[in-house]
Structure formats: C-alpha cells, structure tokens
Amino acid sequence: MRKQYPGNFKAKVALEAIRSEDTIAELSSKYEIHRALVMRWKKEALSALPDIFGTGKEREQKDQQKLIEELYMQIGQLKVENDWLKKNLNKLGR
C-alpha cells in the first residue's frame, strides 16, 4: 500500500524544492521520500501558481466552464435514462 502524505507536508517539500537551496537528492534524503515525489510536487506547485494568482474573472470563467461540462454530462445521462424508459414502456404494452 502506498504511503499518503498530507498536503501541508507536500507543500513544505515543494516550497523547499522551488527555493533550490538543497538539491532534489538532498531533499529526498532529508524527508526520506523518493526523488520522483519531490520533483512531482514541485512541478504541481509551480503549475498551480498561475491559478492562485489569477484574476477573479479567470477563476469565475473556469468555474462556469466546469459547471457547463457537468450539466452536459447530466443531460446526456438523463437522455439515456429517458430513452431506456420509453423503450421499456413500449414493451409493457402502452
């Protein structure tokens, strides 16, 4: 079973990796984790920075896009259910 690390621990390691005071190998040795984890957490932290400092409008647009995608998924699911109900209602003799 894989060990799961809390978010604050990941953030601490990623921040130290971004600062570049220690090498990736030194950080992985210091925290007793694999180098790949240090590199992944650093990459995730760096890729999340634009979202953190993005404008409210950008965040609002992303939220709206996510809502639209979820609603389209619900529409698709409801259409499938509706078609199935119509098909089976006809089998019952209506």
Protein backbone atom coordinates (compact mmCIF):
# COMPACT_ATOMS: atom_id res chain seq x y z
CA MET A 1 0.00 0.00 0.00
CA ARG A 2 1.31 3.42 -0.92
CA LYS A 3 2.01 5.92 1.78
CA GLN A 4 -0.11 9.05 1.55
CA TYR A 5 1.36 12.36 2.61
CA PRO A 6 -0.66 15.28 3.98
CA GLY A 7 -0.98 18.39 1.85
CA ASN A 8 0.98 20.58 4.23
CA PHE A 9 3.93 18.18 4.05
CA LYS A 10 3.82 18.17 0.24
CA ALA A 11 3.67 21.97 0.22
CA LYS A 12 6.66 22.23 2.56
CA VAL A 13 8.77 19.90 0.42
CA ALA A 14 7.67 21.58 -2.83
CA LEU A 15 8.47 25.02 -1.45
CA GLU A 16 11.95 23.91 -0.42
CA ALA A 17 12.48 22.39 -3.87
CA ILE A 18 11.39 25.63 -5.53
CA ARG A 19 13.79 27.64 -3.38
CA SER A 20 16.62 25.42 -4.69
CA GLU A 21 18.68 25.74 -1.53
CA ASP A 22 19.05 21.95 -1.48
CA THR A 23 19.21 19.55 -4.40
CA ILE A 24 16.35 17.16 -5.15
CA ALA A 25 18.53 14.31 -3.90
CA GLU A 26 19.25 16.14 -0.65
CA LEU A 27 15.57 16.86 -0.09
CA SER A 28 14.55 13.29 -0.81
CA SER A 29 17.16 12.07 1.65
CA LYS A 30 16.20 14.67 4.25
CA TYR A 31 12.48 13.75 4.14
CA GLU A 32 13.04 10.05 3.34
CA ILE A 33 10.94 10.14 0.17
CA HIS A 34 11.69 9.23 -3.43
CA ARG A 35 13.20 11.90 -5.68
CA ALA A 36 10.31 11.48 -8.11
CA LEU A 37 7.88 12.67 -5.43
CA VAL A 38 9.91 15.80 -4.78
CA MET A 39 10.03 16.58 -8.49
CA ARG A 40 6.30 15.86 -8.96
CA TRP A 41 5.25 18.04 -6.01
CA LYS A 42 7.50 20.86 -7.21
CA LYS A 43 6.01 20.64 -10.71
CA GLU A 44 2.44 20.58 -9.34
CA ALA A 45 3.14 23.59 -7.13
CA LEU A 46 4.65 25.58 -9.98
CA SER A 47 1.77 24.74 -12.32
CA ALA A 48 -0.80 25.79 -9.68
CA LEU A 49 0.75 29.22 -9.09
CA PRO A 50 -0.94 30.96 -12.05
CA ASP A 51 -4.33 29.76 -10.80
CA ILE A 52 -3.63 31.04 -7.31
CA PHE A 53 -2.72 34.49 -8.58
CA GLY A 54 -5.22 34.55 -11.45
CA THR A 55 -7.90 37.19 -11.56
CA GLY A 56 -11.32 36.56 -10.14
CA LYS A 57 -12.70 36.72 -13.66
CA GLU A 58 -10.44 33.87 -14.80
CA ARG A 59 -11.50 31.73 -11.84
CA GLU A 60 -15.14 32.55 -12.49
CA GLN A 61 -14.77 31.52 -16.14
CA LYS A 62 -13.16 28.22 -15.12
CA ASP A 63 -15.93 27.58 -12.61
CA GLN A 64 -18.58 28.33 -15.22
CA GLN A 65 -16.90 26.05 -17.75
CA LYS A 66 -16.76 23.25 -15.19
CA LEU A 67 -20.46 23.74 -14.40
CA ILE A 68 -21.33 23.65 -18.10
CA GLU A 69 -19.42 20.38 -18.54
CA GLU A 70 -21.19 18.85 -15.53
CA LEU A 71 -24.58 19.95 -16.84
CA TYR A 72 -23.89 18.45 -20.27
CA MET A 73 -22.97 15.18 -18.56
CA GLN A 74 -26.24 15.25 -16.63
CA ILE A 75 -28.19 15.98 -19.82
CA GLY A 76 -26.54 13.00 -21.51
CA GLN A 77 -27.33 10.73 -18.58
CA LEU A 78 -30.96 11.89 -18.45
CA LYS A 79 -31.33 11.36 -22.21
CA VAL A 80 -30.07 7.78 -21.89
CA GLU A 81 -32.46 7.13 -19.00
CA ASN A 82 -35.37 8.72 -20.88
CA ASP A 83 -34.70 6.61 -23.99
CA TRP A 84 -34.49 3.47 -21.86
CA LEU A 85 -37.78 4.27 -20.13
CA LYS A 86 -39.53 4.92 -23.47
CA LYS A 87 -38.24 1.64 -24.87
CA ASN A 88 -39.32 -0.39 -21.85
CA LEU A 89 -42.69 1.37 -21.58
CA ASN A 90 -43.47 0.22 -25.13
CA LYS A 91 -42.62 -3.36 -24.13
CA LEU A 92 -45.24 -3.20 -21.36
CA GLY A 93 -47.96 -2.61 -23.93
CA ARG A 94 -48.60 1.09 -23.67
